Amino acid sequence: MSVMSAIALYGIIWFMTMFIVLPFRPKTQGDVGEIVPGTPASAPSDVQMWRKIKLVTFIATPTFFLVAGIILSEVITYDMIESITRGR
């Protein structure tokens, strides 16, 4: 695996994890009771983006090492995937 492949793999895993984590524990303006004029009550009141970024990085980094280890050790190869999907 080249360096660029590793960076791309980490980026994909990181962003997929971010999209999974984003909807956890949303506090809407309606829940808090402080609705800013011109916004819907379902708009987030405090997103806490830095907290979510730290959580995503904490989850994505070991996941990357697991996936990269599987790729580099050739536990699963392209030929295996091709033999499974060839008949379809």
PDB file of N, CA and C in Angstrom:
ATOM      1  N   MET A   1       0.856  -1.164   0.000  1.00  0.00           N
ATOM      2  CA  MET A   1       0.000   0.000   0.000  1.00  0.00           C
ATOM      3  C   MET A   1       0.905   1.231   0.000  1.00  0.00           C
ATOM      4  N   SER A   2       0.664   2.115  -0.941  1.00  0.00           N
ATOM      5  CA  SER A   2       1.468   3.333  -1.010  1.00  0.00           C
ATOM      6  C   SER A   2       0.977   4.341   0.027  1.00  0.00           C
ATOM      7  N   VAL A   3       1.754   5.396   0.205  1.00  0.00           N
ATOM      8  CA  VAL A   3       1.399   6.431   1.180  1.00  0.00           C
ATOM      9  C   VAL A   3       0.094   7.120   0.775  1.00  0.00           C
ATOM     10  N   MET A   4      -0.057   7.398  -0.498  1.00  0.00           N
ATOM     11  CA  MET A   4      -1.284   8.053  -0.962  1.00  0.00           C
ATOM     12  C   MET A   4      -2.504   7.152  -0.778  1.00  0.00           C
ATOM     13  N   SER A   5      -2.332   5.858  -0.983  1.00  0.00           N
ATOM     14  CA  SER A   5      -3.436   4.918  -0.746  1.00  0.00           C
ATOM     15  C   SER A   5      -3.816   4.895   0.727  1.00  0.00           C
ATOM     16  N   ALA A   6      -2.825   4.942   1.600  1.00  0.00           N
ATOM     17  CA  ALA A   6      -3.095   4.949   3.038  1.00  0.00           C
ATOM     18  C   ALA A   6      -3.817   6.236   3.443  1.00  0.00           C
ATOM     19  N   ILE A   7      -3.397   7.372   2.899  1.00  0.00           N
ATOM     20  CA  ILE A   7      -4.062   8.645   3.207  1.00  0.00           C
ATOM     21  C   ILE A   7      -5.499   8.628   2.714  1.00  0.00           C
ATOM     22  N   ALA A   8      -5.700   8.113   1.508  1.00  0.00           N
ATOM     23  CA  ALA A   8      -7.058   8.038   0.963  1.00  0.00           C
ATOM     24  C   ALA A   8      -7.934   7.100   1.794  1.00  0.00           C
ATOM     25  N   LEU A   9      -7.385   5.963   2.193  1.00  0.00           N
ATOM     26  CA  LEU A   9      -8.138   5.013   3.018  1.00  0.00           C
ATOM     27  C   LEU A   9      -8.502   5.627   4.362  1.00  0.00           C
ATOM     28  N   TYR A  10      -7.561   6.324   4.992  1.00  0.00           N
ATOM     29  CA  TYR A  10      -7.850   6.972   6.277  1.00  0.00           C
ATOM     30  C   TYR A  10      -8.918   8.051   6.105  1.00  0.00           C
ATOM     31  N   GLY A  11      -8.820   8.827   5.036  1.00  0.00           N
ATOM     32  CA  GLY A  11      -9.824   9.867   4.785  1.00  0.00           C
ATOM     33  C   GLY A  11     -11.217   9.290   4.587  1.00  0.00           C
ATOM     34  N   ILE A  12     -11.307   8.214   3.854  1.00  0.00           N
ATOM     35  CA  ILE A  12     -12.610   7.573   3.628  1.00  0.00           C
ATOM     36  C   ILE A  12     -13.183   7.036   4.934  1.00  0.00           C
ATOM     37  N   ILE A  13     -12.347   6.363   5.710  1.00  0.00           N
ATOM     38  CA  ILE A  13     -12.819   5.829   6.996  1.00  0.00           C
ATOM     39  C   ILE A  13     -13.208   6.959   7.929  1.00  0.00           C
ATOM     40  N   TRP A  14     -12.414   8.048   7.962  1.00  0.00           N
ATOM     41  CA  TRP A  14     -12.693   9.164   8.859  1.00  0.00           C
ATOM     42  C   TRP A  14     -14.034   9.818   8.513  1.00  0.00           C
ATOM     43  N   PHE A  15     -14.257  10.104   7.223  1.00  0.00           N
ATOM     44  CA  PHE A  15     -15.501  10.768   6.835  1.00  0.00           C
ATOM     45  C   PHE A  15     -16.718   9.856   6.998  1.00  0.00           C
ATOM     46  N   MET A  16     -16.560   8.553   6.732  1.00  0.00           N
ATOM     47  CA  MET A  16     -17.677   7.638   6.961  1.00  0.00           C
ATOM     48  C   MET A  16     -18.038   7.606   8.443  1.00  0.00           C
ATOM     49  N   THR A  17     -17.023   7.603   9.299  1.00  0.00           N
ATOM     50  CA  THR A  17     -17.270   7.631  10.737  1.00  0.00           C
ATOM     51  C   THR A  17     -17.927   8.942  11.148  1.00  0.00           C
ATOM     52  N   MET A  18     -17.508  10.052  10.539  1.00  0.00           N
ATOM     53  CA  MET A  18     -18.102  11.356  10.860  1.00  0.00           C
ATOM     54  C   MET A  18     -19.588  11.377  10.524  1.00  0.00           C
ATOM     55  N   PHE A  19     -19.952  10.844   9.383  1.00  0.00           N
ATOM     56  CA  PHE A  19     -21.369  10.824   9.006  1.00  0.00           C
ATOM     57  C   PHE A  19     -22.185   9.917   9.918  1.00  0.00           C
ATOM     58  N   ILE A  20     -21.550   8.914  10.512  1.00  0.00           N
ATOM     59  CA  ILE A  20     -22.248   8.056  11.465  1.00  0.00           C
ATOM     60  C   ILE A  20     -22.417   8.766  12.805  1.00  0.00           C
ATOM     61  N   VAL A  21     -21.396   9.498  13.233  1.00  0.00           N
ATOM     62  CA  VAL A  21     -21.397  10.131  14.560  1.00  0.00           C
ATOM     63  C   VAL A  21     -22.217  11.421  14.603  1.00  0.00           C
ATOM     64  N   LEU A  22     -22.313  12.135  13.498  1.00  0.00           N
ATOM     65  CA  LEU A  22     -22.986  13.448  13.496  1.00  0.00           C
ATOM     66  C   LEU A  22     -24.390  13.451  14.107  1.00  0.00           C
ATOM     67  N   PRO A  23     -25.252  12.491  13.827  1.00  0.00           N
ATOM     68  CA  PRO A  23     -26.600  12.583  14.396  1.00  0.00           C
ATOM     69  C   PRO A  23     -26.734  12.163  15.858  1.00  0.00           C
ATOM     70  N   PHE A  24     -25.640  11.763  16.530  1.00  0.00           N
ATOM     71  CA  PHE A  24     -25.739  11.356  17.929  1.00  0.00           C
ATOM     72  C   PHE A  24     -25.937  12.566  18.834  1.00  0.00           C
ATOM     73  N   ARG A  25     -26.869  12.448  19.771  1.00  0.00           N
ATOM     74  CA  ARG A  25     -27.144  13.435  20.816  1.00  0.00           C
ATOM     75  C   ARG A  25     -27.337  14.861  20.304  1.00  0.00           C
ATOM     76  N   PRO A  26     -28.194  15.070  19.351  1.00  0.00           N
ATOM     77  CA  PRO A  26     -28.404  16.453  18.900  1.00  0.00           C
ATOM     78  C   PRO A  26     -29.257  17.216  19.916  1.00  0.00           C
ATOM     79  N   LYS A  27     -28.858  18.428  20.219  1.00  0.00           N
ATOM     80  CA  LYS A  27     -29.654  19.317  21.068  1.00  0.00           C
ATOM     81  C   LYS A  27     -30.202  20.414  20.164  1.00  0.00           C
ATOM     82  N   THR A  28     -31.494  20.353  19.925  1.00  0.00           N
ATOM     83  CA  THR A  28     -32.113  21.322  19.033  1.00  0.00           C
ATOM     84  C   THR A  28     -32.474  22.595  19.789  1.00  0.00           C
ATOM     85  N   GLN A  29     -32.712  23.646  19.029  1.00  0.00           N
ATOM     86  CA  GLN A  29     -33.125  24.903  19.637  1.00  0.00           C
ATOM     87  C   GLN A  29     -34.476  24.750  20.323  1.00  0.00           C
ATOM     88  N   GLY A  30     -35.330  23.900  19.796  1.00  0.00           N
ATOM     89  CA  GLY A  30     -36.625  23.642  20.418  1.00  0.00           C
ATOM     90  C   GLY A  30     -36.489  22.939  21.760  1.00  0.00           C
ATOM     91  N   ASP A  31     -35.511  22.024  21.865  1.00  0.00           N
ATOM     92  CA  ASP A  31     -35.270  21.327  23.138  1.00  0.00           C
ATOM     93  C   ASP A  31     -34.759  22.287  24.210  1.00  0.00           C
ATOM     94  N   VAL A  32     -33.876  23.170  23.800  1.00  0.00           N
ATOM     95  CA  VAL A  32     -33.272  24.111  24.738  1.00  0.00           C
ATOM     96  C   VAL A  32     -34.248  25.237  25.089  1.00  0.00           C
ATOM     97  N   GLY A  33     -35.109  25.591  24.148  1.00  0.00           N
ATOM     98  CA  GLY A  33     -36.084  26.657  24.370  1.00  0.00           C
ATOM     99  C   GLY A  33     -35.604  28.023  23.938  1.00  0.00           C
ATOM    100  N   GLU A  34     -34.505  28.085  23.205  1.00  0.00           N
ATOM    101  CA  GLU A  34     -33.970  29.354  22.715  1.00  0.00           C
ATOM    102  C   GLU A  34     -33.930  29.315  21.193  1.00  0.00           C
ATOM    103  N   ILE A  35     -35.051  29.614  20.566  1.00  0.00           N
ATOM    104  CA  ILE A  35     -35.150  29.560  19.109  1.00  0.00           C
ATOM    105  C   ILE A  35     -34.734  30.917  18.544  1.00  0.00           C
ATOM    106  N   VAL A  36     -33.709  30.904  17.698  1.00  0.00           N
ATOM    107  CA  VAL A  36     -33.234  32.114  17.046  1.00  0.00           C
ATOM    108  C   VAL A  36     -34.221  32.473  15.945  1.00  0.00           C
ATOM    109  N   PRO A  37     -34.662  33.731  15.876  1.00  0.00           N
ATOM    110  CA  PRO A  37     -35.613  34.116  14.827  1.00  0.00           C
ATOM    111  C   PRO A  37     -35.051  33.828  13.434  1.00  0.00           C
ATOM    112  N   GLY A  38     -35.892  33.261  12.592  1.00  0.00           N
ATOM    113  CA  GLY A  38     -35.501  32.929  11.220  1.00  0.00           C
ATOM    114  C   GLY A  38     -34.958  31.526  11.054  1.00  0.00           C
ATOM    115  N   THR A  39     -34.874  30.758  12.144  1.00  0.00           N
ATOM    116  CA  THR A  39     -34.396  29.382  12.050  1.00  0.00           C
ATOM    117  C   THR A  39     -35.481  28.440  12.548  1.00  0.00           C
ATOM    118  N   PRO A  40     -35.500  27.201  12.047  1.00  0.00           N
ATOM    119  CA  PRO A  40     -36.502  26.257  12.544  1.00  0.00           C
ATOM    120  C   PRO A  40     -36.146  25.782  13.952  1.00  0.00           C
ATOM    121  N   ALA A  41     -37.144  25.302  14.657  1.00  0.00           N
ATOM    122  CA  ALA A  41     -36.923  24.809  16.017  1.00  0.00           C
ATOM    123  C   ALA A  41     -36.048  23.558  16.023  1.00  0.00           C
ATOM    124  N   SER A  42     -35.946  22.879  14.893  1.00  0.00           N
ATOM    125  CA  SER A  42     -35.141  21.662  14.815  1.00  0.00           C
ATOM    126  C   SER A  42     -33.669  21.946  14.518  1.00  0.00           C
ATOM    127  N   ALA A  43     -33.279  23.198  14.368  1.00  0.00           N
ATOM    128  CA  ALA A  43     -31.880  23.538  14.123  1.00  0.00           C
ATOM    129  C   ALA A  43     -31.063  23.268  15.383  1.00  0.00           C
ATOM    130  N   PRO A  44     -29.821  22.829  15.211  1.00  0.00           N
ATOM    131  CA  PRO A  44     -29.011  22.523  16.396  1.00  0.00           C
ATOM    132  C   PRO A  44     -28.687  23.786  17.186  1.00  0.00           C
ATOM    133  N   SER A  45     -28.680  23.647  18.511  1.00  0.00           N
ATOM    134  CA  SER A  45     -28.355  24.799  19.345  1.00  0.00           C
ATOM    135  C   SER A  45     -26.854  24.843  19.650  1.00  0.00           C
ATOM    136  N   ASP A  46     -26.256  23.696  19.936  1.00  0.00           N
ATOM    137  CA  ASP A  46     -24.822  23.617  20.194  1.00  0.00           C
ATOM    138  C   ASP A  46     -24.319  22.319  19.585  1.00  0.00           C
ATOM    139  N   VAL A  47     -23.613  22.429  18.467  1.00  0.00           N
ATOM    140  CA  VAL A  47     -23.202  21.246  17.716  1.00  0.00           C
ATOM    141  C   VAL A  47     -22.050  20.505  18.402  1.00  0.00           C
ATOM    142  N   GLN A  48     -21.181  21.211  19.112  1.00  0.00           N
ATOM    143  CA  GLN A  48     -19.993  20.646  19.755  1.00  0.00           C
ATOM    144  C   GLN A  48     -19.128  19.898  18.742  1.00  0.00           C
ATOM    145  N   MET A  49     -18.754  20.607  17.681  1.00  0.00           N
ATOM    146  CA  MET A  49     -18.022  19.993  16.587  1.00  0.00           C
ATOM    147  C   MET A  49     -16.660  19.458  17.022  1.00  0.00           C
ATOM    148  N   TRP A  50     -15.915  20.197  17.848  1.00  0.00           N
ATOM    149  CA  TRP A  50     -14.592  19.720  18.264  1.00  0.00           C
ATOM    150  C   TRP A  50     -14.695  18.415  19.037  1.00  0.00           C
ATOM    151  N   ARG A  51     -15.729  18.284  19.842  1.00  0.00           N
ATOM    152  CA  ARG A  51     -15.925  17.044  20.589  1.00  0.00           C
ATOM    153  C   ARG A  51     -16.192  15.877  19.632  1.00  0.00           C
ATOM    154  N   LYS A  52     -16.998  16.137  18.607  1.00  0.00           N
ATOM    155  CA  LYS A  52     -17.302  15.084  17.634  1.00  0.00           C
ATOM    156  C   LYS A  52     -16.085  14.746  16.779  1.00  0.00           C
ATOM    157  N   ILE A  53     -15.272  15.752  16.449  1.00  0.00           N
ATOM    158  CA  ILE A  53     -14.058  15.504  15.668  1.00  0.00           C
ATOM    159  C   ILE A  53     -13.096  14.626  16.462  1.00  0.00           C
ATOM    160  N   LYS A  54     -12.953  14.901  17.756  1.00  0.00           N
ATOM    161  CA  LYS A  54     -12.084  14.067  18.602  1.00  0.00           C
ATOM    162  C   LYS A  54     -12.606  12.635  18.669  1.00  0.00           C
ATOM    163  N   LEU A  55     -13.910  12.475  18.831  1.00  0.00           N
ATOM    164  CA  LEU A  55     -14.506  11.146  18.901  1.00  0.00           C
ATOM    165  C   LEU A  55     -14.309  10.388  17.593  1.00  0.00           C
ATOM    166  N   VAL A  56     -14.527  11.057  16.476  1.00  0.00           N
ATOM    167  CA  VAL A  56     -14.372  10.420  15.163  1.00  0.00           C
ATOM    168  C   VAL A  56     -12.928   9.986  14.958  1.00  0.00           C
ATOM    169  N   THR A  57     -11.975  10.839  15.315  1.00  0.00           N
ATOM    170  CA  THR A  57     -10.563  10.488  15.165  1.00  0.00           C
ATOM    171  C   THR A  57     -10.208   9.315  16.068  1.00  0.00           C
ATOM    172  N   PHE A  58     -10.758   9.293  17.272  1.00  0.00           N
ATOM    173  CA  PHE A  58     -10.513   8.199  18.222  1.00  0.00           C
ATOM    174  C   PHE A  58     -11.055   6.871  17.682  1.00  0.00           C
ATOM    175  N   ILE A  59     -12.158   6.901  16.946  1.00  0.00           N
ATOM    176  CA  ILE A  59     -12.743   5.684  16.383  1.00  0.00           C
ATOM    177  C   ILE A  59     -12.080   5.307  15.059  1.00  0.00           C
ATOM    178  N   ALA A  60     -11.804   6.307  14.204  1.00  0.00           N
ATOM    179  CA  ALA A  60     -11.313   6.047  12.855  1.00  0.00           C
ATOM    180  C   ALA A  60      -9.868   5.550  12.829  1.00  0.00           C
ATOM    181  N   THR A  61      -9.039   6.002  13.759  1.00  0.00           N
ATOM    182  CA  THR A  61      -7.625   5.613  13.734  1.00  0.00           C
ATOM    183  C   THR A  61      -7.429   4.114  13.968  1.00  0.00           C
ATOM    184  N   PRO A  62      -8.004   3.521  15.032  1.00  0.00           N
ATOM    185  CA  PRO A  62      -7.834   2.063  15.163  1.00  0.00           C
ATOM    186  C   PRO A  62      -8.516   1.283  14.037  1.00  0.00           C
ATOM    187  N   THR A  63      -9.627   1.806  13.536  1.00  0.00           N
ATOM    188  CA  THR A  63     -10.302   1.150  12.421  1.00  0.00           C
ATOM    189  C   THR A  63      -9.400   1.141  11.191  1.00  0.00           C
ATOM    190  N   PHE A  64      -8.714   2.258  10.943  1.00  0.00           N
ATOM    191  CA  PHE A  64      -7.780   2.333   9.822  1.00  0.00           C
ATOM    192  C   PHE A  64      -6.667   1.301   9.976  1.00  0.00           C
ATOM    193  N   PHE A  65      -6.090   1.220  11.179  1.00  0.00           N
ATOM    194  CA  PHE A  65      -5.000   0.258  11.382  1.00  0.00           C
ATOM    195  C   PHE A  65      -5.481  -1.179  11.208  1.00  0.00           C
ATOM    196  N   LEU A  66      -6.705  -1.465  11.605  1.00  0.00           N
ATOM    197  CA  LEU A  66      -7.267  -2.802  11.414  1.00  0.00           C
ATOM    198  C   LEU A  66      -7.436  -3.106   9.922  1.00  0.00           C
ATOM    199  N   VAL A  67      -8.039  -2.185   9.185  1.00  0.00           N
ATOM    200  CA  VAL A  67      -8.267  -2.398   7.751  1.00  0.00           C
ATOM    201  C   VAL A  67      -6.939  -2.448   7.002  1.00  0.00           C
ATOM    202  N   ALA A  68      -6.010  -1.540   7.325  1.00  0.00           N
ATOM    203  CA  ALA A  68      -4.703  -1.546   6.664  1.00  0.00           C
ATOM    204  C   ALA A  68      -3.945  -2.836   6.974  1.00  0.00           C
ATOM    205  N   GLY A  69      -4.063  -3.328   8.199  1.00  0.00           N
ATOM    206  CA  GLY A  69      -3.420  -4.590   8.546  1.00  0.00           C
ATOM    207  C   GLY A  69      -3.979  -5.760   7.757  1.00  0.00           C
ATOM    208  N   ILE A  70      -5.289  -5.764   7.565  1.00  0.00           N
ATOM    209  CA  ILE A  70      -5.915  -6.826   6.769  1.00  0.00           C
ATOM    210  C   ILE A  70      -5.452  -6.747   5.318  1.00  0.00           C
ATOM    211  N   ILE A  71      -5.354  -5.540   4.794  1.00  0.00           N
ATOM    212  CA  ILE A  71      -4.919  -5.376   3.403  1.00  0.00           C
ATOM    213  C   ILE A  71      -3.457  -5.793   3.244  1.00  0.00           C
ATOM    214  N   LEU A  72      -2.603  -5.334   4.151  1.00  0.00           N
ATOM    215  CA  LEU A  72      -1.166  -5.614   4.016  1.00  0.00           C
ATOM    216  C   LEU A  72      -0.818  -7.069   4.298  1.00  0.00           C
ATOM    217  N   SER A  73      -1.555  -7.720   5.190  1.00  0.00           N
ATOM    218  CA  SER A  73      -1.267  -9.124   5.490  1.00  0.00           C
ATOM    219  C   SER A  73      -1.910 -10.069   4.488  1.00  0.00           C
ATOM    220  N   GLU A  74      -2.713  -9.527   3.600  1.00  0.00           N
ATOM    221  CA  GLU A  74      -3.390 -10.285   2.548  1.00  0.00           C
ATOM    222  C   GLU A  74      -4.295 -11.375   3.107  1.00  0.00           C
ATOM    223  N   VAL A  75      -4.939 -11.095   4.233  1.00  0.00           N
ATOM    224  CA  VAL A  75      -5.947 -12.002   4.772  1.00  0.00           C
ATOM    225  C   VAL A  75      -7.113 -12.074   3.794  1.00  0.00           C
ATOM    226  N   ILE A  76      -7.479 -10.917   3.248  1.00  0.00           N
ATOM    227  CA  ILE A  76      -8.493 -10.826   2.199  1.00  0.00           C
ATOM    228  C   ILE A  76      -7.814 -10.213   0.987  1.00  0.00           C
ATOM    229  N   THR A  77      -7.870 -10.877  -0.133  1.00  0.00           N
ATOM    230  CA  THR A  77      -7.236 -10.377  -1.351  1.00  0.00           C
ATOM    231  C   THR A  77      -8.295 -10.026  -2.386  1.00  0.00           C
ATOM    232  N   TYR A  78      -7.848  -9.340  -3.417  1.00  0.00           N
ATOM    233  CA  TYR A  78      -8.740  -8.980  -4.512  1.00  0.00           C
ATOM    234  C   TYR A  78      -9.258 -10.234  -5.213  1.00  0.00           C
ATOM    235  N   ASP A  79      -8.411 -11.246  -5.341  1.00  0.00           N
ATOM    236  CA  ASP A  79      -8.833 -12.496  -5.987  1.00  0.00           C
ATOM    237  C   ASP A  79      -9.958 -13.188  -5.210  1.00  0.00           C
ATOM    238  N   MET A  80      -9.897 -13.132  -3.876  1.00  0.00           N
ATOM    239  CA  MET A  80     -10.967 -13.711  -3.063  1.00  0.00           C
ATOM    240  C   MET A  80     -12.282 -12.995  -3.306  1.00  0.00           C
ATOM    241  N   ILE A  81     -12.231 -11.686  -3.329  1.00  0.00           N
ATOM    242  CA  ILE A  81     -13.458 -10.895  -3.551  1.00  0.00           C
ATOM    243  C   ILE A  81     -13.991 -11.170  -4.953  1.00  0.00           C
ATOM    244  N   GLU A  82     -13.089 -11.241  -5.927  1.00  0.00           N
ATOM    245  CA  GLU A  82     -13.505 -11.521  -7.301  1.00  0.00           C
ATOM    246  C   GLU A  82     -14.124 -12.901  -7.442  1.00  0.00           C
ATOM    247  N   SER A  83     -13.584 -13.900  -6.763  1.00  0.00           N
ATOM    248  CA  SER A  83     -14.142 -15.250  -6.871  1.00  0.00           C
ATOM    249  C   SER A  83     -15.530 -15.338  -6.231  1.00  0.00           C
ATOM    250  N   ILE A  84     -15.777 -14.530  -5.219  1.00  0.00           N
ATOM    251  CA  ILE A  84     -17.091 -14.522  -4.584  1.00  0.00           C
ATOM    252  C   ILE A  84     -18.124 -13.821  -5.463  1.00  0.00           C
ATOM    253  N   THR A  85     -17.728 -12.730  -6.081  1.00  0.00           N
ATOM    254  CA  THR A  85     -18.675 -11.924  -6.856  1.00  0.00           C
ATOM    255  C   THR A  85     -18.722 -12.276  -8.339  1.00  0.00           C
ATOM    256  N   ARG A  86     -17.899 -13.196  -8.809  1.00  0.00           N
ATOM    257  CA  ARG A  86     -17.824 -13.520 -10.228  1.00  0.00           C
ATOM    258  C   ARG A  86     -19.120 -14.125 -10.756  1.00  0.00           C
ATOM    259  N   GLY A  87     -19.762 -14.934  -9.957  1.00  0.00           N
ATOM    260  CA  GLY A  87     -20.954 -15.633 -10.420  1.00  0.00           C
ATOM    261  C   GLY A  87     -22.190 -14.745 -10.517  1.00  0.00           C
ATOM    262  N   ARG A  88     -22.096 -13.507 -10.129  1.00  0.00           N
ATOM    263  CA  ARG A  88     -23.284 -12.642 -10.108  1.00  0.00           C
ATOM    264  C   ARG A  88     -23.321 -11.691 -11.242  1.00  0.00           C
TER     265      ARG A  88
END
